[in-house]
């Protein structure tokens, strides 16, 4: 008998799917490994041994750049207040606020991770994430220019480029629905809600086909640029009523 971990150790990392790690480096990952070993009462390997083991996995794992994700405005403002504090007590006050904000952020992410796990296990909860390029119409245009910049020259300025609305809704444990629409279609709140409800309908059809009960609770994660278009004060209340009715 062998488990999935033993089979994974025999796999060639060069042939495995490429994965990105959170922003950081191998030194910080070693500190995290030490914390895990101390928490589970396991023997800690030396730094050189740890780095030798990571050499083969660097073919399929790479640390993500910080610039690929926007900075939290609250964290940035509190850190700025800490840098410009004129006294120790003022610095301690903003540091305490920053720790409280990070604690609340962690609790929020912990709830999302729990909901995502429940959705993947089909444990009476459906977790949806919606995002798309329908709100940034320059990226899905064809042909695409290198680095997103059109070549210099008047001929390229007059070249008609085909555009479209591209968005996706991920239903954890159920699938991913990709939506395409012509470029003249509005991508406002109605379009976003239509994709969400259509994905929920697909999940319901899949549950009927599999003979399994449809989840009774819903958790949706909508990115901020989508969220602003959804007229949350009115339509979000309607969605909550539909979900819990």
C-alpha atoms as a PDB file:
ATOM      1  CA  UNK A   1       0.000   0.000   0.000  1.00  0.00           C
ATOM      2  CA  UNK A   2       1.231   3.490  -0.822  1.00  0.00           C
ATOM      3  CA  UNK A   3      -0.271   6.914  -0.475  1.00  0.00           C
ATOM      4  CA  UNK A   4      -0.371   9.857  -2.903  1.00  0.00           C
ATOM      5  CA  UNK A   5       2.660  11.443  -1.211  1.00  0.00           C
ATOM      6  CA  UNK A   6       4.947   8.517  -1.992  1.00  0.00           C
ATOM      7  CA  UNK A   7       3.869   8.514  -5.635  1.00  0.00           C
ATOM      8  CA  UNK A   8       4.451  12.274  -5.808  1.00  0.00           C
ATOM      9  CA  UNK A   9       8.019  11.899  -4.559  1.00  0.00           C
ATOM     10  CA  UNK A  10       8.812   9.565  -7.487  1.00  0.00           C
ATOM     11  CA  UNK A  11       7.385  12.002 -10.071  1.00  0.00           C
ATOM     12  CA  UNK A  12       9.698  14.120 -12.165  1.00  0.00           C
ATOM     13  CA  UNK A  13       9.167  17.786 -11.196  1.00  0.00           C
ATOM     14  CA  UNK A  14      10.201  18.877 -14.701  1.00  0.00           C
ATOM     15  CA  UNK A  15       7.120  17.077 -16.108  1.00  0.00           C
ATOM     16  CA  UNK A  16       4.656  18.405 -13.534  1.00  0.00           C
ATOM     17  CA  UNK A  17       2.316  21.370 -13.974  1.00  0.00           C
ATOM     18  CA  UNK A  18       3.805  24.788 -13.333  1.00  0.00           C
ATOM     19  CA  UNK A  19       2.735  26.356 -10.046  1.00  0.00           C
ATOM     20  CA  UNK A  20       3.296  29.790  -8.534  1.00  0.00           C
ATOM     21  CA  UNK A  21       4.069  30.397  -4.867  1.00  0.00           C
ATOM     22  CA  UNK A  22       3.092  33.526  -2.907  1.00  0.00           C
ATOM     23  CA  UNK A  23       5.580  36.433  -3.078  1.00  0.00           C
ATOM     24  CA  UNK A  24       8.729  35.591  -1.114  1.00  0.00           C
ATOM     25  CA  UNK A  25      11.952  33.605  -1.426  1.00  0.00           C
ATOM     26  CA  UNK A  26      13.380  30.222  -0.478  1.00  0.00           C
ATOM     27  CA  UNK A  27      14.848  31.622   2.723  1.00  0.00           C
ATOM     28  CA  UNK A  28      11.426  32.684   4.001  1.00  0.00           C
ATOM     29  CA  UNK A  29      10.042  29.311   2.923  1.00  0.00           C
ATOM     30  CA  UNK A  30      12.680  27.587   5.046  1.00  0.00           C
ATOM     31  CA  UNK A  31      11.559  29.628   8.058  1.00  0.00           C
ATOM     32  CA  UNK A  32       8.000  28.498   7.366  1.00  0.00           C
ATOM     33  CA  UNK A  33       9.243  24.899   7.155  1.00  0.00           C
ATOM     34  CA  UNK A  34      10.956  25.288  10.545  1.00  0.00           C
ATOM     35  CA  UNK A  35       7.732  26.593  12.086  1.00  0.00           C
ATOM     36  CA  UNK A  36       5.802  23.632  10.689  1.00  0.00           C
ATOM     37  CA  UNK A  37       8.301  21.159  12.116  1.00  0.00           C
ATOM     38  CA  UNK A  38       8.202  22.819  15.534  1.00  0.00           C
ATOM     39  CA  UNK A  39       4.398  22.807  15.545  1.00  0.00           C
ATOM     40  CA  UNK A  40       4.241  19.096  14.636  1.00  0.00           C
ATOM     41  CA  UNK A  41       7.205  17.994  16.812  1.00  0.00           C
ATOM     42  CA  UNK A  42       9.250  16.805  13.817  1.00  0.00           C
ATOM     43  CA  UNK A  43      12.993  16.884  13.343  1.00  0.00           C
ATOM     44  CA  UNK A  44      14.169  19.921  11.357  1.00  0.00           C
ATOM     45  CA  UNK A  45      16.501  19.356   8.415  1.00  0.00           C
ATOM     46  CA  UNK A  46      19.528  21.590   7.936  1.00  0.00           C
ATOM     47  CA  UNK A  47      19.476  24.617   5.690  1.00  0.00           C
ATOM     48  CA  UNK A  48      21.764  23.036   3.077  1.00  0.00           C
ATOM     49  CA  UNK A  49      19.649  19.860   2.993  1.00  0.00           C
ATOM     50  CA  UNK A  50      16.500  21.926   2.539  1.00  0.00           C
ATOM     51  CA  UNK A  51      18.013  23.922  -0.327  1.00  0.00           C
ATOM     52  CA  UNK A  52      19.272  20.737  -2.041  1.00  0.00           C
ATOM     53  CA  UNK A  53      15.732  19.354  -1.996  1.00  0.00           C
ATOM     54  CA  UNK A  54      14.309  22.547  -3.483  1.00  0.00           C
ATOM     55  CA  UNK A  55      16.615  22.483  -6.504  1.00  0.00           C
ATOM     56  CA  UNK A  56      14.584  19.820  -8.306  1.00  0.00           C
ATOM     57  CA  UNK A  57      11.254  21.469  -7.460  1.00  0.00           C
ATOM     58  CA  UNK A  58      12.311  24.848  -8.813  1.00  0.00           C
ATOM     59  CA  UNK A  59      11.557  23.481 -12.274  1.00  0.00           C
ATOM     60  CA  UNK A  60       7.816  23.537 -11.556  1.00  0.00           C
ATOM     61  CA  UNK A  61       7.525  26.134  -8.771  1.00  0.00           C
ATOM     62  CA  UNK A  62       8.322  29.830  -8.848  1.00  0.00           C
ATOM     63  CA  UNK A  63       7.598  32.728  -6.535  1.00  0.00           C
ATOM     64  CA  UNK A  64       5.011  35.172  -7.824  1.00  0.00           C
ATOM     65  CA  UNK A  65       5.997  38.830  -8.191  1.00  0.00           C
ATOM     66  CA  UNK A  66       4.445  41.336  -5.829  1.00  0.00           C
ATOM     67  CA  UNK A  67       3.501  43.627  -8.695  1.00  0.00           C
ATOM     68  CA  UNK A  68       0.939  41.111  -9.972  1.00  0.00           C
ATOM     69  CA  UNK A  69      -1.413  41.936  -7.084  1.00  0.00           C
ATOM     70  CA  UNK A  70      -2.574  45.357  -5.968  1.00  0.00           C
ATOM     71  CA  UNK A  71      -1.520  46.675  -2.576  1.00  0.00           C
ATOM     72  CA  UNK A  72      -4.109  46.816   0.204  1.00  0.00           C
ATOM     73  CA  UNK A  73      -5.018  50.480   0.652  1.00  0.00           C
ATOM     74  CA  UNK A  74      -5.580  50.098   4.409  1.00  0.00           C
ATOM     75  CA  UNK A  75      -2.180  48.428   4.928  1.00  0.00           C
ATOM     76  CA  UNK A  76      -0.455  51.045   2.799  1.00  0.00           C
ATOM     77  CA  UNK A  77      -2.089  53.923   4.690  1.00  0.00           C
ATOM     78  CA  UNK A  78      -1.310  52.484   8.146  1.00  0.00           C
ATOM     79  CA  UNK A  79       2.311  51.759   7.193  1.00  0.00           C
ATOM     80  CA  UNK A  80       2.632  55.321   5.928  1.00  0.00           C
ATOM     81  CA  UNK A  81       1.280  56.620   9.238  1.00  0.00           C
ATOM     82  CA  UNK A  82       3.823  54.469  11.086  1.00  0.00           C
ATOM     83  CA  UNK A  83       6.707  55.855   9.012  1.00  0.00           C
ATOM     84  CA  UNK A  84       5.642  59.440   9.620  1.00  0.00           C
ATOM     85  CA  UNK A  85       4.825  59.056  13.322  1.00  0.00           C
ATOM     86  CA  UNK A  86       6.348  61.777  15.507  1.00  0.00           C
ATOM     87  CA  UNK A  87       6.337  59.851  18.800  1.00  0.00           C
ATOM     88  CA  UNK A  88       6.612  56.314  20.074  1.00  0.00           C
ATOM     89  CA  UNK A  89       2.992  56.200  21.276  1.00  0.00           C
ATOM     90  CA  UNK A  90       1.724  57.413  17.913  1.00  0.00           C
ATOM     91  CA  UNK A  91       3.788  54.744  16.155  1.00  0.00           C
ATOM     92  CA  UNK A  92       2.466  52.084  18.558  1.00  0.00           C
ATOM     93  CA  UNK A  93      -1.133  53.211  17.941  1.00  0.00           C
ATOM     94  CA  UNK A  94      -0.904  52.722  14.165  1.00  0.00           C
ATOM     95  CA  UNK A  95       1.053  49.477  14.602  1.00  0.00           C
ATOM     96  CA  UNK A  96      -1.774  48.153  16.787  1.00  0.00           C
ATOM     97  CA  UNK A  97      -4.328  49.145  14.129  1.00  0.00           C
ATOM     98  CA  UNK A  98      -2.269  47.391  11.455  1.00  0.00           C
ATOM     99  CA  UNK A  99      -2.121  44.182  13.506  1.00  0.00           C
ATOM    100  CA  UNK A 100      -5.875  44.345  14.036  1.00  0.00           C
ATOM    101  CA  UNK A 101      -6.456  44.853  10.310  1.00  0.00           C
ATOM    102  CA  UNK A 102      -4.203  41.898   9.446  1.00  0.00           C
ATOM    103  CA  UNK A 103      -6.030  39.737  11.999  1.00  0.00           C
ATOM    104  CA  UNK A 104      -9.420  40.620  10.474  1.00  0.00           C
ATOM    105  CA  UNK A 105      -8.054  39.973   6.982  1.00  0.00           C
ATOM    106  CA  UNK A 106      -6.803  36.552   8.059  1.00  0.00           C
ATOM    107  CA  UNK A 107     -10.206  35.691   9.566  1.00  0.00           C
ATOM    108  CA  UNK A 108     -11.878  36.729   6.318  1.00  0.00           C
ATOM    109  CA  UNK A 109      -9.522  34.566   4.262  1.00  0.00           C
ATOM    110  CA  UNK A 110      -9.968  31.703   6.723  1.00  0.00           C
ATOM    111  CA  UNK A 111     -13.743  31.806   6.201  1.00  0.00           C
ATOM    112  CA  UNK A 112     -13.230  31.823   2.440  1.00  0.00           C
ATOM    113  CA  UNK A 113     -10.831  28.867   2.586  1.00  0.00           C
ATOM    114  CA  UNK A 114     -13.364  26.963   4.692  1.00  0.00           C
ATOM    115  CA  UNK A 115     -16.167  27.772   2.246  1.00  0.00           C
ATOM    116  CA  UNK A 116     -13.987  26.778  -0.707  1.00  0.00           C
ATOM    117  CA  UNK A 117     -13.165  23.452   0.938  1.00  0.00           C
ATOM    118  CA  UNK A 118     -16.845  22.812   1.696  1.00  0.00           C
ATOM    119  CA  UNK A 119     -17.785  23.605  -1.893  1.00  0.00           C
ATOM    120  CA  UNK A 120     -15.165  21.239  -3.286  1.00  0.00           C
ATOM    121  CA  UNK A 121     -16.359  18.494  -0.922  1.00  0.00           C
ATOM    122  CA  UNK A 122     -20.009  19.166  -1.964  1.00  0.00           C
ATOM    123  CA  UNK A 123     -20.770  19.822   1.716  1.00  0.00           C
ATOM    124  CA  UNK A 124     -24.035  21.760   1.242  1.00  0.00           C
ATOM    125  CA  UNK A 125     -22.246  24.981   0.242  1.00  0.00           C
ATOM    126  CA  UNK A 126     -21.541  26.603  -3.119  1.00  0.00           C
ATOM    127  CA  UNK A 127     -18.613  29.033  -3.467  1.00  0.00           C
ATOM    128  CA  UNK A 128     -18.378  31.250  -6.556  1.00  0.00           C
ATOM    129  CA  UNK A 129     -15.662  33.621  -7.796  1.00  0.00           C
ATOM    130  CA  UNK A 130     -16.311  35.965 -10.701  1.00  0.00           C
ATOM    131  CA  UNK A 131     -13.811  37.994 -12.681  1.00  0.00           C
ATOM    132  CA  UNK A 132     -13.258  38.926 -16.253  1.00  0.00           C
ATOM    133  CA  UNK A 133     -11.681  41.086 -18.935  1.00  0.00           C
ATOM    134  CA  UNK A 134     -15.044  42.485 -19.953  1.00  0.00           C
ATOM    135  CA  UNK A 135     -14.164  45.434 -17.737  1.00  0.00           C
ATOM    136  CA  UNK A 136     -10.796  45.941 -19.437  1.00  0.00           C
ATOM    137  CA  UNK A 137     -11.589  45.795 -23.124  1.00  0.00           C
ATOM    138  CA  UNK A 138      -8.017  46.248 -24.352  1.00  0.00           C
ATOM    139  CA  UNK A 139      -6.712  42.821 -23.291  1.00  0.00           C
ATOM    140  CA  UNK A 140      -9.070  40.508 -25.273  1.00  0.00           C
ATOM    141  CA  UNK A 141      -8.631  42.497 -28.526  1.00  0.00           C
ATOM    142  CA  UNK A 142      -7.114  40.684 -31.519  1.00  0.00           C
ATOM    143  CA  UNK A 143      -4.445  40.941 -32.752  1.00  0.00           C
ATOM    144  CA  UNK A 144      -2.562  41.476 -29.502  1.00  0.00           C
ATOM    145  CA  UNK A 145       0.508  43.682 -29.537  1.00  0.00           C
ATOM    146  CA  UNK A 146       3.673  42.758 -27.604  1.00  0.00           C
ATOM    147  CA  UNK A 147       3.588  44.204 -24.055  1.00  0.00           C
ATOM    148  CA  UNK A 148       0.145  45.654 -24.821  1.00  0.00           C
ATOM    149  CA  UNK A 149       1.565  48.544 -26.846  1.00  0.00           C
ATOM    150  CA  UNK A 150       0.659  49.094 -30.523  1.00  0.00           C
ATOM    151  CA  UNK A 151       3.626  49.397 -32.909  1.00  0.00           C
ATOM    152  CA  UNK A 152       4.639  52.828 -34.049  1.00  0.00           C
ATOM    153  CA  UNK A 153       3.276  53.900 -37.394  1.00  0.00           C
ATOM    154  CA  UNK A 154       0.069  55.348 -38.775  1.00  0.00           C
ATOM    155  CA  UNK A 155      -0.927  52.113 -40.518  1.00  0.00           C
ATOM    156  CA  UNK A 156      -1.357  50.261 -37.221  1.00  0.00           C
ATOM    157  CA  UNK A 157      -3.504  53.028 -35.728  1.00  0.00           C
ATOM    158  CA  UNK A 158      -6.100  52.502 -38.456  1.00  0.00           C
ATOM    159  CA  UNK A 159      -6.032  48.704 -38.172  1.00  0.00           C
ATOM    160  CA  UNK A 160      -9.445  47.494 -36.914  1.00  0.00           C
ATOM    161  CA  UNK A 161      -9.102  45.148 -33.945  1.00  0.00           C
ATOM    162  CA  UNK A 162     -11.771  42.627 -33.033  1.00  0.00           C
ATOM    163  CA  UNK A 163     -12.845  42.973 -29.402  1.00  0.00           C
ATOM    164  CA  UNK A 164     -15.007  40.868 -27.115  1.00  0.00           C
ATOM    165  CA  UNK A 165     -16.219  40.568 -23.546  1.00  0.00           C
ATOM    166  CA  UNK A 166     -14.416  37.764 -21.687  1.00  0.00           C
ATOM    167  CA  UNK A 167     -15.353  36.772 -18.139  1.00  0.00           C
ATOM    168  CA  UNK A 168     -15.394  33.638 -16.015  1.00  0.00           C
ATOM    169  CA  UNK A 169     -17.145  32.326 -12.920  1.00  0.00           C
ATOM    170  CA  UNK A 170     -15.374  29.609 -10.918  1.00  0.00           C
ATOM    171  CA  UNK A 171     -17.631  27.289  -8.914  1.00  0.00           C
ATOM    172  CA  UNK A 172     -15.277  25.410  -6.604  1.00  0.00           C
ATOM    173  CA  UNK A 173     -15.852  21.682  -6.891  1.00  0.00           C
ATOM    174  CA  UNK A 174     -18.288  22.093  -9.799  1.00  0.00           C
ATOM    175  CA  UNK A 175     -16.425  23.670 -12.701  1.00  0.00           C
ATOM    176  CA  UNK A 176     -15.506  26.904 -14.441  1.00  0.00           C
ATOM    177  CA  UNK A 177     -17.922  28.744 -16.730  1.00  0.00           C
ATOM    178  CA  UNK A 178     -16.347  31.027 -19.351  1.00  0.00           C
ATOM    179  CA  UNK A 179     -18.535  33.659 -21.005  1.00  0.00           C
ATOM    180  CA  UNK A 180     -17.901  35.421 -24.306  1.00  0.00           C
ATOM    181  CA  UNK A 181     -19.952  38.320 -25.638  1.00  0.00           C
ATOM    182  CA  UNK A 182     -19.608  40.822 -28.489  1.00  0.00           C
ATOM    183  CA  UNK A 183     -17.743  44.005 -27.717  1.00  0.00           C
ATOM    184  CA  UNK A 184     -20.848  46.178 -27.999  1.00  0.00           C
ATOM    185  CA  UNK A 185     -22.585  44.340 -25.127  1.00  0.00           C
ATOM    186  CA  UNK A 186     -22.622  46.276 -21.885  1.00  0.00           C
ATOM    187  CA  UNK A 187     -20.620  44.628 -19.088  1.00  0.00           C
ATOM    188  CA  UNK A 188     -22.341  46.381 -16.206  1.00  0.00           C
ATOM    189  CA  UNK A 189     -24.208  44.960 -13.255  1.00  0.00           C
ATOM    190  CA  UNK A 190     -26.830  43.120 -15.299  1.00  0.00           C
ATOM    191  CA  UNK A 191     -24.143  41.248 -17.235  1.00  0.00           C
ATOM    192  CA  UNK A 192     -22.333  40.252 -14.038  1.00  0.00           C
ATOM    193  CA  UNK A 193     -25.482  39.013 -12.331  1.00  0.00           C
ATOM    194  CA  UNK A 194     -26.505  37.117 -15.473  1.00  0.00           C
ATOM    195  CA  UNK A 195     -23.226  35.179 -15.475  1.00  0.00           C
ATOM    196  CA  UNK A 196     -23.575  34.410 -11.753  1.00  0.00           C
ATOM    197  CA  UNK A 197     -27.151  33.138 -12.043  1.00  0.00           C
ATOM    198  CA  UNK A 198     -26.342  31.130 -15.171  1.00  0.00           C
ATOM    199  CA  UNK A 199     -23.440  29.439 -13.357  1.00  0.00           C
ATOM    200  CA  UNK A 200     -25.724  28.615 -10.432  1.00  0.00           C
ATOM    201  CA  UNK A 201     -28.177  27.106 -12.911  1.00  0.00           C
ATOM    202  CA  UNK A 202     -25.403  24.944 -14.404  1.00  0.00           C
ATOM    203  CA  UNK A 203     -24.468  23.729 -10.921  1.00  0.00           C
ATOM    204  CA  UNK A 204     -28.110  22.860 -10.242  1.00  0.00           C
ATOM    205  CA  UNK A 205     -28.333  20.824 -13.463  1.00  0.00           C
ATOM    206  CA  UNK A 206     -25.122  19.007 -12.522  1.00  0.00           C
ATOM    207  CA  UNK A 207     -26.480  18.201  -9.059  1.00  0.00           C
ATOM    208  CA  UNK A 208     -29.675  16.791 -10.602  1.00  0.00           C
ATOM    209  CA  UNK A 209     -27.653  14.709 -13.049  1.00  0.00           C
ATOM    210  CA  UNK A 210     -25.482  13.307 -10.249  1.00  0.00           C
ATOM    211  CA  UNK A 211     -28.467  12.715  -7.968  1.00  0.00           C
ATOM    212  CA  UNK A 212     -27.061  14.929  -5.238  1.00  0.00           C
ATOM    213  CA  UNK A 213     -28.760  17.642  -3.199  1.00  0.00           C
ATOM    214  CA  UNK A 214     -28.218  21.216  -4.341  1.00  0.00           C
ATOM    215  CA  UNK A 215     -26.256  23.339  -1.826  1.00  0.00           C
ATOM    216  CA  UNK A 216     -28.451  25.436   0.459  1.00  0.00           C
ATOM    217  CA  UNK A 217     -25.838  28.120   1.216  1.00  0.00           C
ATOM    218  CA  UNK A 218     -23.946  30.388  -1.161  1.00  0.00           C
ATOM    219  CA  UNK A 219     -20.723  32.363  -0.824  1.00  0.00           C
ATOM    220  CA  UNK A 220     -19.716  34.658  -3.671  1.00  0.00           C
ATOM    221  CA  UNK A 221     -16.416  36.480  -4.094  1.00  0.00           C
ATOM    222  CA  UNK A 222     -16.631  39.383  -6.519  1.00  0.00           C
ATOM    223  CA  UNK A 223     -13.629  41.540  -7.332  1.00  0.00           C
ATOM    224  CA  UNK A 224     -13.894  45.203  -6.487  1.00  0.00           C
ATOM    225  CA  UNK A 225     -14.176  46.496 -10.070  1.00  0.00           C
ATOM    226  CA  UNK A 226     -17.099  44.099 -10.630  1.00  0.00           C
ATOM    227  CA  UNK A 227     -18.589  44.843  -7.242  1.00  0.00           C
ATOM    228  CA  UNK A 228     -18.895  48.554  -7.923  1.00  0.00           C
ATOM    229  CA  UNK A 229     -21.004  47.840 -11.003  1.00  0.00           C
ATOM    230  CA  UNK A 230     -23.489  45.585  -9.234  1.00  0.00           C
ATOM    231  CA  UNK A 231     -25.503  48.276  -7.388  1.00  0.00           C
ATOM    232  CA  UNK A 232     -24.992  46.355  -4.173  1.00  0.00           C
ATOM    233  CA  UNK A 233     -27.496  48.265  -2.023  1.00  0.00           C
ATOM    234  CA  UNK A 234     -30.491  47.006  -4.015  1.00  0.00           C
ATOM    235  CA  UNK A 235     -29.484  43.936  -6.018  1.00  0.00           C
ATOM    236  CA  UNK A 236     -27.291  42.378  -3.311  1.00  0.00           C
ATOM    237  CA  UNK A 237     -30.266  42.479  -0.937  1.00  0.00           C
ATOM    238  CA  UNK A 238     -32.320  40.710  -3.587  1.00  0.00           C
ATOM    239  CA  UNK A 239     -29.667  38.003  -3.964  1.00  0.00           C
ATOM    240  CA  UNK A 240     -29.566  37.461  -0.185  1.00  0.00           C
ATOM    241  CA  UNK A 241     -33.372  37.120  -0.150  1.00  0.00           C
ATOM    242  CA  UNK A 242     -33.283  34.606  -3.012  1.00  0.00           C
ATOM    243  CA  UNK A 243     -30.500  32.608  -1.349  1.00  0.00           C
ATOM    244  CA  UNK A 244     -32.114  32.331   2.080  1.00  0.00           C
ATOM    245  CA  UNK A 245     -35.748  32.154   1.009  1.00  0.00           C
END
